[in-house]
Amino acid sequence: MDHITLGNVSVTRVWEYFGSVGMTPDTFFPDSPKDLWEEGGSWLTPHFLDSGTNAVNSAIQTWLLRSEGKTILVDTGVGNHKERPYAPVWSHLKTDFLANLARAGVAPEDVDVVINTHLHIDHVGWNTYLDGRRWVPTFPNATYLMPKDDFDFWNPENGHKPLLGRGNQNVFEDSVAPVHRAGRTLLWENSHRIDAALRLDAAPGHTPGSSVLTLTSGTDRAVFVGDMLHSPVQILAPDANSCFCEDPEGARATRRKVLGWAADNNALVIPAHLGGHGAVEVAREGGAFAIKGWAPFAPYAERP
């Protein structure tokens, strides 16, 4: 299934893409222990690693929440028709994302809140769509919650030199600025309460404005962690960053802090890009963490 309920909040997985992003573990996670990838073949493949090419498999997906009468999207993937000269795997896509969202019972005008956990290329793409020759907000009635620190960092007018170099080129211009010009953004700092069950908190490291969304409803707990994790290997080796982390030490500290909270509070950890069952329960194990169990979401190949 692609749907679970946590307390009074429903959580639905909406797919955009699943497959290789063209990177092997030693490139994607340069400081991860090689033996974990070699020994983990039986459980890493095929959902997290392609055994034939040794490329990391990744999911691009949006988490659809319904809470207190609001329809909320967590991250908006890559988007269609975007010009991505330095990220060809994401350039000029034509996916069925909006049809998949419709199958989950949501039309663009139904969305009340869009959360961008950070402003990387694969988290903001469906913020906008191409209307003729103009990029306009895909979700015309939504408030788009964006971390101000990321908004300022990725704004090309501010002249920052990110680790990604030109990898995020055009993203601010076609997927962030049009929403801001339309008056649909709320730029938040430090923490932002959405409702009684949902709270955004700054979790810098991967990017200056990276954030996590904590869900607390009844006895259930979950934390949507964006790119704090790209692979379950980072649970077993929490000091292993992806090659995209702007502040490596900050990313490690954030990962350990959030995983520790999740372990201590029996919270489901829901990253942006995990394939397979998509979300995971963790436990402390010495100075690291272990996988305690997987969420019941259906893997991509097993969808009805």
C-alpha atoms as a PDB file:
ATOM      1  CA  MET A   1       0.000   0.000   0.000  1.00  0.00           C
ATOM      2  CA  ASP A   2       1.031   3.635  -0.397  1.00  0.00           C
ATOM      3  CA  HIS A   3      -0.889   4.939   2.616  1.00  0.00           C
ATOM      4  CA  ILE A   4      -0.589   4.769   6.406  1.00  0.00           C
ATOM      5  CA  THR A   5      -2.217   6.653   9.271  1.00  0.00           C
ATOM      6  CA  LEU A   6      -0.229   8.075  12.180  1.00  0.00           C
ATOM      7  CA  GLY A   7      -2.508   9.306  14.947  1.00  0.00           C
ATOM      8  CA  ASN A   8      -4.896  11.713  13.234  1.00  0.00           C
ATOM      9  CA  VAL A   9      -2.612  12.324  10.248  1.00  0.00           C
ATOM     10  CA  SER A  10      -2.730  10.315   7.033  1.00  0.00           C
ATOM     11  CA  VAL A  11       0.491   9.836   5.071  1.00  0.00           C
ATOM     12  CA  THR A  12       0.467   8.876   1.385  1.00  0.00           C
ATOM     13  CA  ARG A  13       3.467   8.218  -0.832  1.00  0.00           C
ATOM     14  CA  VAL A  14       3.268   9.806  -4.295  1.00  0.00           C
ATOM     15  CA  TRP A  15       5.895   8.607  -6.772  1.00  0.00           C
ATOM     16  CA  GLU A  16       7.677  10.614  -9.431  1.00  0.00           C
ATOM     17  CA  TYR A  17      10.726   8.448 -10.248  1.00  0.00           C
ATOM     18  CA  PHE A  18      12.601   5.381  -9.077  1.00  0.00           C
ATOM     19  CA  GLY A  19      15.930   4.119 -10.342  1.00  0.00           C
ATOM     20  CA  SER A  20      19.601   4.918 -10.709  1.00  0.00           C
ATOM     21  CA  VAL A  21      20.917   8.452 -10.417  1.00  0.00           C
ATOM     22  CA  GLY A  22      24.130   7.333 -12.120  1.00  0.00           C
ATOM     23  CA  MET A  23      26.388   7.295  -9.067  1.00  0.00           C
ATOM     24  CA  THR A  24      28.163   4.434  -7.336  1.00  0.00           C
ATOM     25  CA  PRO A  25      28.407   4.265  -3.524  1.00  0.00           C
ATOM     26  CA  ASP A  26      32.013   5.451  -3.433  1.00  0.00           C
ATOM     27  CA  THR A  27      31.015   8.590  -5.354  1.00  0.00           C
ATOM     28  CA  PHE A  28      27.655   9.262  -3.695  1.00  0.00           C
ATOM     29  CA  PHE A  29      28.890   8.477  -0.162  1.00  0.00           C
ATOM     30  CA  PRO A  30      32.668   8.917  -0.336  1.00  0.00           C
ATOM     31  CA  ASP A  31      33.259   8.477   3.406  1.00  0.00           C
ATOM     32  CA  SER A  32      30.925   5.500   3.911  1.00  0.00           C
ATOM     33  CA  PRO A  33      32.466   2.157   4.940  1.00  0.00           C
ATOM     34  CA  LYS A  34      32.975   0.024   1.846  1.00  0.00           C
ATOM     35  CA  ASP A  35      32.274  -3.171   3.755  1.00  0.00           C
ATOM     36  CA  LEU A  36      28.710  -2.092   4.557  1.00  0.00           C
ATOM     37  CA  TRP A  37      27.911  -1.933   0.853  1.00  0.00           C
ATOM     38  CA  GLU A  38      29.631  -5.229   0.140  1.00  0.00           C
ATOM     39  CA  GLU A  39      28.115  -7.089   3.090  1.00  0.00           C
ATOM     40  CA  GLY A  40      24.709  -5.487   2.643  1.00  0.00           C
ATOM     41  CA  GLY A  41      24.103  -6.687  -0.894  1.00  0.00           C
ATOM     42  CA  SER A  42      21.318  -9.029   0.096  1.00  0.00           C
ATOM     43  CA  TRP A  43      19.199  -6.304   1.683  1.00  0.00           C
ATOM     44  CA  LEU A  44      20.406  -3.265  -0.268  1.00  0.00           C
ATOM     45  CA  THR A  45      19.465  -4.705  -3.652  1.00  0.00           C
ATOM     46  CA  PRO A  46      17.344  -3.920  -5.558  1.00  0.00           C
ATOM     47  CA  HIS A  47      15.682  -1.115  -3.596  1.00  0.00           C
ATOM     48  CA  PHE A  48      18.814   0.840  -2.698  1.00  0.00           C
ATOM     49  CA  LEU A  49      21.519  -0.543  -4.985  1.00  0.00           C
ATOM     50  CA  ASP A  50      21.546  -1.954  -8.514  1.00  0.00           C
ATOM     51  CA  SER A  51      23.567  -5.167  -8.354  1.00  0.00           C
ATOM     52  CA  GLY A  52      24.250  -5.126 -12.087  1.00  0.00           C
ATOM     53  CA  THR A  53      25.688  -1.625 -12.371  1.00  0.00           C
ATOM     54  CA  ASN A  54      26.617  -1.009  -8.708  1.00  0.00           C
ATOM     55  CA  ALA A  55      24.739   2.286  -8.982  1.00  0.00           C
ATOM     56  CA  VAL A  56      22.784   3.696  -6.070  1.00  0.00           C
ATOM     57  CA  ASN A  57      19.026   3.504  -6.590  1.00  0.00           C
ATOM     58  CA  SER A  58      16.960   6.430  -5.417  1.00  0.00           C
ATOM     59  CA  ALA A  59      13.301   7.383  -5.224  1.00  0.00           C
ATOM     60  CA  ILE A  60      11.901  10.782  -6.068  1.00  0.00           C
ATOM     61  CA  GLN A  61       8.631  11.049  -4.194  1.00  0.00           C
ATOM     62  CA  THR A  62       6.349  13.461  -2.418  1.00  0.00           C
ATOM     63  CA  TRP A  63       4.783  12.749   0.956  1.00  0.00           C
ATOM     64  CA  LEU A  64       1.120  13.760   0.971  1.00  0.00           C
ATOM     65  CA  LEU A  65      -0.255  14.539   4.433  1.00  0.00           C
ATOM     66  CA  ARG A  66      -3.810  15.237   5.500  1.00  0.00           C
ATOM     67  CA  SER A  67      -3.924  16.912   8.886  1.00  0.00           C
ATOM     68  CA  GLU A  68      -6.591  19.032  10.599  1.00  0.00           C
ATOM     69  CA  GLY A  69      -8.471  19.453   7.330  1.00  0.00           C
ATOM     70  CA  LYS A  70      -5.409  20.591   5.376  1.00  0.00           C
ATOM     71  CA  THR A  71      -3.771  18.909   2.394  1.00  0.00           C
ATOM     72  CA  ILE A  72       0.007  19.175   2.700  1.00  0.00           C
ATOM     73  CA  LEU A  73       2.836  18.141   0.366  1.00  0.00           C
ATOM     74  CA  VAL A  74       6.336  17.466   1.668  1.00  0.00           C
ATOM     75  CA  ASP A  75       8.825  18.200  -1.147  1.00  0.00           C
ATOM     76  CA  THR A  76       7.860  18.387  -4.808  1.00  0.00           C
ATOM     77  CA  GLY A  77      10.472  16.389  -6.677  1.00  0.00           C
ATOM     78  CA  VAL A  78      12.102  17.284  -9.973  1.00  0.00           C
ATOM     79  CA  GLY A  79       9.260  18.542 -12.168  1.00  0.00           C
ATOM     80  CA  ASN A  80       8.655  18.373 -15.898  1.00  0.00           C
ATOM     81  CA  HIS A  81      10.234  20.335 -18.758  1.00  0.00           C
ATOM     82  CA  LYS A  82      12.980  21.838 -16.574  1.00  0.00           C
ATOM     83  CA  GLU A  83      16.264  22.822 -18.217  1.00  0.00           C
ATOM     84  CA  ARG A  84      19.033  21.232 -16.119  1.00  0.00           C
ATOM     85  CA  PRO A  85      22.284  21.527 -18.099  1.00  0.00           C
ATOM     86  CA  TYR A  86      24.476  20.243 -15.275  1.00  0.00           C
ATOM     87  CA  ALA A  87      22.095  17.526 -14.060  1.00  0.00           C
ATOM     88  CA  PRO A  88      21.040  15.744 -17.273  1.00  0.00           C
ATOM     89  CA  VAL A  89      19.265  12.926 -15.428  1.00  0.00           C
ATOM     90  CA  TRP A  90      16.698  15.518 -14.291  1.00  0.00           C
ATOM     91  CA  SER A  91      16.522  17.560 -17.486  1.00  0.00           C
ATOM     92  CA  HIS A  92      13.278  17.835 -19.508  1.00  0.00           C
ATOM     93  CA  LEU A  93      11.434  15.063 -17.684  1.00  0.00           C
ATOM     94  CA  LYS A  94       7.895  14.077 -18.647  1.00  0.00           C
ATOM     95  CA  THR A  95       6.647  12.108 -15.658  1.00  0.00           C
ATOM     96  CA  ASP A  96       3.145  11.231 -14.497  1.00  0.00           C
ATOM     97  CA  PHE A  97       3.520  12.933 -11.135  1.00  0.00           C
ATOM     98  CA  LEU A  98       0.342  15.012 -11.313  1.00  0.00           C
ATOM     99  CA  ALA A  99      -1.618  11.963 -12.462  1.00  0.00           C
ATOM    100  CA  ASN A 100      -0.173  10.022  -9.515  1.00  0.00           C
ATOM    101  CA  LEU A 101      -1.237  12.840  -7.205  1.00  0.00           C
ATOM    102  CA  ALA A 102      -4.722  12.732  -8.747  1.00  0.00           C
ATOM    103  CA  ARG A 103      -4.874   8.986  -8.087  1.00  0.00           C
ATOM    104  CA  ALA A 104      -4.251   9.857  -4.437  1.00  0.00           C
ATOM    105  CA  GLY A 105      -7.359  12.070  -4.607  1.00  0.00           C
ATOM    106  CA  VAL A 106      -5.663  15.452  -4.871  1.00  0.00           C
ATOM    107  CA  ALA A 107      -5.902  18.079  -7.603  1.00  0.00           C
ATOM    108  CA  PRO A 108      -3.373  20.962  -7.627  1.00  0.00           C
ATOM    109  CA  GLU A 109      -5.966  23.452  -6.394  1.00  0.00           C
ATOM    110  CA  ASP A 110      -6.717  21.221  -3.375  1.00  0.00           C
ATOM    111  CA  VAL A 111      -3.265  21.675  -1.839  1.00  0.00           C
ATOM    112  CA  ASP A 112      -3.140  24.025   1.150  1.00  0.00           C
ATOM    113  CA  VAL A 113       0.530  23.812   2.128  1.00  0.00           C
ATOM    114  CA  VAL A 114       3.709  22.887   0.251  1.00  0.00           C
ATOM    115  CA  ILE A 115       6.800  22.179   2.345  1.00  0.00           C
ATOM    116  CA  ASN A 116      10.211  22.370   0.723  1.00  0.00           C
ATOM    117  CA  THR A 117      12.549  20.779   3.260  1.00  0.00           C
ATOM    118  CA  HIS A 118      15.375  22.501   1.372  1.00  0.00           C
ATOM    119  CA  LEU A 119      15.806  24.041  -2.058  1.00  0.00           C
ATOM    120  CA  HIS A 120      17.792  21.458  -3.995  1.00  0.00           C
ATOM    121  CA  ILE A 121      16.934  20.562  -7.581  1.00  0.00           C
ATOM    122  CA  ASP A 122      14.971  17.410  -6.659  1.00  0.00           C
ATOM    123  CA  HIS A 123      12.824  18.933  -3.903  1.00  0.00           C
ATOM    124  CA  VAL A 124      11.238  21.968  -5.558  1.00  0.00           C
ATOM    125  CA  GLY A 125      10.597  20.973  -9.188  1.00  0.00           C
ATOM    126  CA  TRP A 126       6.828  20.649  -9.062  1.00  0.00           C
ATOM    127  CA  ASN A 127       6.557  23.971  -7.234  1.00  0.00           C
ATOM    128  CA  THR A 128       5.902  25.301 -10.728  1.00  0.00           C
ATOM    129  CA  TYR A 129       4.764  24.154 -14.148  1.00  0.00           C
ATOM    130  CA  LEU A 130       5.232  25.594 -17.604  1.00  0.00           C
ATOM    131  CA  ASP A 131       2.196  27.601 -18.705  1.00  0.00           C
ATOM    132  CA  GLY A 132       2.997  28.601 -22.271  1.00  0.00           C
ATOM    133  CA  ARG A 133       6.422  30.187 -21.787  1.00  0.00           C
ATOM    134  CA  ARG A 134       6.022  31.121 -18.107  1.00  0.00           C
ATOM    135  CA  TRP A 135       6.693  29.178 -14.936  1.00  0.00           C
ATOM    136  CA  VAL A 136       3.713  29.535 -12.614  1.00  0.00           C
ATOM    137  CA  PRO A 137       2.818  27.939  -9.244  1.00  0.00           C
ATOM    138  CA  THR A 138       1.498  24.411  -9.703  1.00  0.00           C
ATOM    139  CA  PHE A 139      -0.542  24.655  -6.507  1.00  0.00           C
ATOM    140  CA  PRO A 140      -2.284  28.024  -6.845  1.00  0.00           C
ATOM    141  CA  ASN A 141      -3.988  28.057  -3.446  1.00  0.00           C
ATOM    142  CA  ALA A 142      -1.070  26.757  -1.381  1.00  0.00           C
ATOM    143  CA  THR A 143       1.287  28.499   0.972  1.00  0.00           C
ATOM    144  CA  TYR A 144       4.808  27.354   0.125  1.00  0.00           C
ATOM    145  CA  LEU A 145       6.928  27.002   3.259  1.00  0.00           C
ATOM    146  CA  MET A 146      10.593  27.582   2.418  1.00  0.00           C
ATOM    147  CA  PRO A 147      13.517  27.905   4.840  1.00  0.00           C
ATOM    148  CA  LYS A 148      14.751  31.487   4.637  1.00  0.00           C
ATOM    149  CA  ASP A 149      18.383  30.418   5.029  1.00  0.00           C
ATOM    150  CA  ASP A 150      18.110  28.260   1.908  1.00  0.00           C
ATOM    151  CA  PHE A 151      16.154  30.917   0.021  1.00  0.00           C
ATOM    152  CA  ASP A 152      18.973  33.393   0.671  1.00  0.00           C
ATOM    153  CA  PHE A 153      21.742  30.858  -0.003  1.00  0.00           C
ATOM    154  CA  TRP A 154      20.403  29.716  -3.389  1.00  0.00           C
ATOM    155  CA  ASN A 155      19.323  33.162  -4.581  1.00  0.00           C
ATOM    156  CA  PRO A 156      21.907  33.862  -7.304  1.00  0.00           C
ATOM    157  CA  GLU A 157      21.752  37.569  -6.520  1.00  0.00           C
ATOM    158  CA  ASN A 158      23.565  36.853  -3.242  1.00  0.00           C
ATOM    159  CA  GLY A 159      26.631  35.375  -4.946  1.00  0.00           C
ATOM    160  CA  HIS A 160      27.117  32.270  -2.792  1.00  0.00           C
ATOM    161  CA  LYS A 161      29.349  29.509  -4.165  1.00  0.00           C
ATOM    162  CA  PRO A 162      27.701  26.206  -3.251  1.00  0.00           C
ATOM    163  CA  LEU A 163      29.375  22.817  -3.163  1.00  0.00           C
ATOM    164  CA  LEU A 164      27.080  21.777  -6.017  1.00  0.00           C
ATOM    165  CA  GLY A 165      28.678  24.381  -8.244  1.00  0.00           C
ATOM    166  CA  ARG A 166      26.342  24.721 -11.211  1.00  0.00           C
ATOM    167  CA  GLY A 167      24.395  21.573 -10.305  1.00  0.00           C
ATOM    168  CA  ASN A 168      21.461  23.643  -9.066  1.00  0.00           C
ATOM    169  CA  GLN A 169      21.534  26.015 -12.043  1.00  0.00           C
ATOM    170  CA  ASN A 170      18.131  27.448 -13.096  1.00  0.00           C
ATOM    171  CA  VAL A 171      16.399  25.937 -10.057  1.00  0.00           C
ATOM    172  CA  PHE A 172      15.896  29.185  -8.158  1.00  0.00           C
ATOM    173  CA  GLU A 173      14.791  30.982 -11.305  1.00  0.00           C
ATOM    174  CA  ASP A 174      12.199  28.448 -12.495  1.00  0.00           C
ATOM    175  CA  SER A 175      11.025  26.716  -9.312  1.00  0.00           C
ATOM    176  CA  VAL A 176      11.451  29.188  -6.443  1.00  0.00           C
ATOM    177  CA  ALA A 177      11.346  32.780  -7.679  1.00  0.00           C
ATOM    178  CA  PRO A 178       8.043  32.422  -9.615  1.00  0.00           C
ATOM    179  CA  VAL A 179       6.292  31.226  -6.452  1.00  0.00           C
ATOM    180  CA  HIS A 180       7.784  34.075  -4.439  1.00  0.00           C
ATOM    181  CA  ARG A 181       6.759  36.662  -7.047  1.00  0.00           C
ATOM    182  CA  ALA A 182       3.222  35.264  -6.930  1.00  0.00           C
ATOM    183  CA  GLY A 183       3.098  35.991  -3.187  1.00  0.00           C
ATOM    184  CA  ARG A 184       2.700  32.321  -2.248  1.00  0.00           C
ATOM    185  CA  THR A 185       5.812  31.829  -0.076  1.00  0.00           C
ATOM    186  CA  LEU A 186       6.308  31.968   3.662  1.00  0.00           C
ATOM    187  CA  LEU A 187      10.017  32.177   4.472  1.00  0.00           C
ATOM    188  CA  TRP A 188      10.502  30.800   7.970  1.00  0.00           C
ATOM    189  CA  GLU A 189      13.460  30.645  10.351  1.00  0.00           C
ATOM    190  CA  ASN A 190      14.400  28.370  13.276  1.00  0.00           C
ATOM    191  CA  SER A 191      10.993  26.705  13.765  1.00  0.00           C
ATOM    192  CA  HIS A 192       7.498  26.890  12.325  1.00  0.00           C
ATOM    193  CA  ARG A 193       4.342  25.302  13.727  1.00  0.00           C
ATOM    194  CA  ILE A 194       1.911  24.176  11.001  1.00  0.00           C
ATOM    195  CA  ASP A 195      -0.735  22.707  13.289  1.00  0.00           C
ATOM    196  CA  ALA A 196      -0.977  20.773  16.545  1.00  0.00           C
ATOM    197  CA  ALA A 197       0.578  17.686  14.951  1.00  0.00           C
ATOM    198  CA  LEU A 198       3.207  19.148  12.605  1.00  0.00           C
ATOM    199  CA  ARG A 199       6.253  21.309  13.288  1.00  0.00           C
ATOM    200  CA  LEU A 200       9.160  22.346  11.075  1.00  0.00           C
ATOM    201  CA  ASP A 201      12.613  22.788  12.597  1.00  0.00           C
ATOM    202  CA  ALA A 202      15.910  23.919  11.171  1.00  0.00           C
ATOM    203  CA  ALA A 203      18.323  21.008  10.662  1.00  0.00           C
ATOM    204  CA  PRO A 204      21.301  22.534   8.826  1.00  0.00           C
ATOM    205  CA  GLY A 205      24.219  20.677   7.346  1.00  0.00           C
ATOM    206  CA  HIS A 206      23.103  19.206   4.054  1.00  0.00           C
ATOM    207  CA  THR A 207      22.272  22.782   3.075  1.00  0.00           C
ATOM    208  CA  PRO A 208      22.262  25.903   5.275  1.00  0.00           C
ATOM    209  CA  GLY A 209      18.464  25.852   5.487  1.00  0.00           C
ATOM    210  CA  SER A 210      17.750  22.134   5.550  1.00  0.00           C
ATOM    211  CA  SER A 211      14.853  21.261   7.808  1.00  0.00           C
ATOM    212  CA  VAL A 212      12.937  18.355   9.288  1.00  0.00           C
ATOM    213  CA  LEU A 213       9.192  18.007   9.807  1.00  0.00           C
ATOM    214  CA  THR A 214       8.160  16.340  13.058  1.00  0.00           C
ATOM    215  CA  LEU A 215       4.770  14.632  13.337  1.00  0.00           C
ATOM    216  CA  THR A 216       3.340  14.034  16.811  1.00  0.00           C
ATOM    217  CA  SER A 217      -0.227  12.751  16.972  1.00  0.00           C
ATOM    218  CA  GLY A 218      -1.669  10.549  19.679  1.00  0.00           C
ATOM    219  CA  THR A 219       0.964   7.950  20.509  1.00  0.00           C
ATOM    220  CA  ASP A 220       2.524   8.080  17.025  1.00  0.00           C
ATOM    221  CA  ARG A 221       5.718   9.883  16.101  1.00  0.00           C
ATOM    222  CA  ALA A 222       7.460  10.436  12.773  1.00  0.00           C
ATOM    223  CA  VAL A 223      10.094  12.723  11.362  1.00  0.00           C
ATOM    224  CA  PHE A 224      10.390  13.647   7.685  1.00  0.00           C
ATOM    225  CA  VAL A 225      14.107  14.231   7.244  1.00  0.00           C
ATOM    226  CA  GLY A 226      14.532  15.338   3.630  1.00  0.00           C
ATOM    227  CA  ASP A 227      18.125  14.623   2.560  1.00  0.00           C
ATOM    228  CA  MET A 228      19.511  14.019   6.033  1.00  0.00           C
ATOM    229  CA  LEU A 229      19.504  10.411   4.777  1.00  0.00           C
ATOM    230  CA  HIS A 230      19.802   9.200   1.192  1.00  0.00           C
ATOM    231  CA  SER A 231      20.481   5.557   2.017  1.00  0.00           C
ATOM    232  CA  PRO A 232      19.851   3.189   4.948  1.00  0.00           C
ATOM    233  CA  VAL A 233      23.637   2.695   5.052  1.00  0.00           C
ATOM    234  CA  GLN A 234      23.760   6.116   6.743  1.00  0.00           C
ATOM    235  CA  ILE A 235      21.755   4.698   9.654  1.00  0.00           C
ATOM    236  CA  LEU A 236      24.432   2.078  10.271  1.00  0.00           C
ATOM    237  CA  ALA A 237      27.192   4.626   9.595  1.00  0.00           C
ATOM    238  CA  PRO A 238      25.718   7.966  10.713  1.00  0.00           C
ATOM    239  CA  ASP A 239      28.939   9.886  10.059  1.00  0.00           C
ATOM    240  CA  ALA A 240      28.787   9.028   6.338  1.00  0.00           C
ATOM    241  CA  ASN A 241      27.635  12.049   4.365  1.00  0.00           C
ATOM    242  CA  SER A 242      26.468  12.246   0.813  1.00  0.00           C
ATOM    243  CA  CYS A 243      28.742  14.143  -1.550  1.00  0.00           C
ATOM    244  CA  PHE A 244      26.144  16.942  -1.654  1.00  0.00           C
ATOM    245  CA  CYS A 245      26.412  18.135   1.965  1.00  0.00           C
ATOM    246  CA  GLU A 246      27.435  21.802   2.141  1.00  0.00           C
ATOM    247  CA  ASP A 247      28.599  21.548   5.780  1.00  0.00           C
ATOM    248  CA  PRO A 248      29.909  18.012   6.417  1.00  0.00           C
ATOM    249  CA  GLU A 249      30.334  18.360  10.176  1.00  0.00           C
ATOM    250  CA  GLY A 250      26.961  20.032  10.553  1.00  0.00           C
ATOM    251  CA  ALA A 251      25.329  17.271   8.508  1.00  0.00           C
ATOM    252  CA  ARG A 252      26.840  14.579  10.737  1.00  0.00           C
ATOM    253  CA  ALA A 253      25.733  16.348  13.907  1.00  0.00           C
ATOM    254  CA  THR A 254      22.194  16.808  12.587  1.00  0.00           C
ATOM    255  CA  ARG A 255      21.958  13.165  11.497  1.00  0.00           C
ATOM    256  CA  ARG A 256      23.051  11.851  14.873  1.00  0.00           C
ATOM    257  CA  LYS A 257      20.720  14.225  16.735  1.00  0.00           C
ATOM    258  CA  VAL A 258      17.630  13.372  14.689  1.00  0.00           C
ATOM    259  CA  LEU A 259      18.293   9.631  14.585  1.00  0.00           C
ATOM    260  CA  GLY A 260      18.833   9.697  18.350  1.00  0.00           C
ATOM    261  CA  TRP A 261      15.498  11.429  18.886  1.00  0.00           C
ATOM    262  CA  ALA A 262      13.779   8.948  16.577  1.00  0.00           C
ATOM    263  CA  ALA A 263      15.285   5.965  18.405  1.00  0.00           C
ATOM    264  CA  ASP A 264      14.374   7.337  21.830  1.00  0.00           C
ATOM    265  CA  ASN A 265      10.816   8.204  20.807  1.00  0.00           C
ATOM    266  CA  ASN A 266       9.981   5.182  18.645  1.00  0.00           C
ATOM    267  CA  ALA A 267       9.497   7.544  15.703  1.00  0.00           C
ATOM    268  CA  LEU A 268       9.296   6.546  12.065  1.00  0.00           C
ATOM    269  CA  VAL A 269      12.104   8.123  10.018  1.00  0.00           C
ATOM    270  CA  ILE A 270      10.846   9.200   6.583  1.00  0.00           C
ATOM    271  CA  PRO A 271      13.573  10.412   4.198  1.00  0.00           C
ATOM    272  CA  ALA A 272      12.910  11.972   0.837  1.00  0.00           C
ATOM    273  CA  HIS A 273      14.602   9.397  -1.367  1.00  0.00           C
ATOM    274  CA  LEU A 274      14.440   5.926   0.142  1.00  0.00           C
ATOM    275  CA  GLY A 275      13.125   3.292  -2.222  1.00  0.00           C
ATOM    276  CA  GLY A 276      11.828   0.008  -0.901  1.00  0.00           C
ATOM    277  CA  HIS A 277       9.427   0.540   1.982  1.00  0.00           C
ATOM    278  CA  GLY A 278      10.325   4.215   2.120  1.00  0.00           C
ATOM    279  CA  ALA A 279      10.502   4.741   5.878  1.00  0.00           C
ATOM    280  CA  VAL A 280      12.242   3.048   8.757  1.00  0.00           C
ATOM    281  CA  GLU A 281      12.279   2.595  12.534  1.00  0.00           C
ATOM    282  CA  VAL A 282      15.697   2.828  14.163  1.00  0.00           C
ATOM    283  CA  ALA A 283      17.301   1.767  17.429  1.00  0.00           C
ATOM    284  CA  ARG A 284      20.515   2.787  19.153  1.00  0.00           C
ATOM    285  CA  GLU A 285      23.346   0.317  18.745  1.00  0.00           C
ATOM    286  CA  GLY A 286      26.536   1.319  20.508  1.00  0.00           C
ATOM    287  CA  GLY A 287      27.723   4.568  19.000  1.00  0.00           C
ATOM    288  CA  ALA A 288      25.603   4.130  15.900  1.00  0.00           C
ATOM    289  CA  PHE A 289      22.117   2.958  15.013  1.00  0.00           C
ATOM    290  CA  ALA A 290      20.396  -0.149  13.721  1.00  0.00           C
ATOM    291  CA  ILE A 291      17.347  -0.744  11.549  1.00  0.00           C
ATOM    292  CA  LYS A 292      14.515  -1.963  13.745  1.00  0.00           C
ATOM    293  CA  GLY A 293      11.768  -2.271  11.148  1.00  0.00           C
ATOM    294  CA  TRP A 294      10.362  -0.943   7.900  1.00  0.00           C
ATOM    295  CA  ALA A 295       7.148   0.940   7.185  1.00  0.00           C
ATOM    296  CA  PRO A 296       4.407  -0.936   5.312  1.00  0.00           C
ATOM    297  CA  PHE A 297       4.596   1.183   2.139  1.00  0.00           C
ATOM    298  CA  ALA A 298       4.771  -0.943  -0.991  1.00  0.00           C
ATOM    299  CA  PRO A 299       8.070  -0.840  -2.912  1.00  0.00           C
ATOM    300  CA  TYR A 300       7.908   0.688  -6.353  1.00  0.00           C
ATOM    301  CA  ALA A 301       7.811  -2.641  -8.190  1.00  0.00           C
ATOM    302  CA  GLU A 302       5.048  -3.946  -5.942  1.00  0.00           C
ATOM    303  CA  ARG A 303       2.577  -1.099  -6.401  1.00  0.00           C
ATOM    304  CA  PRO A 304      -0.921  -2.199  -7.432  1.00  0.00           C
END
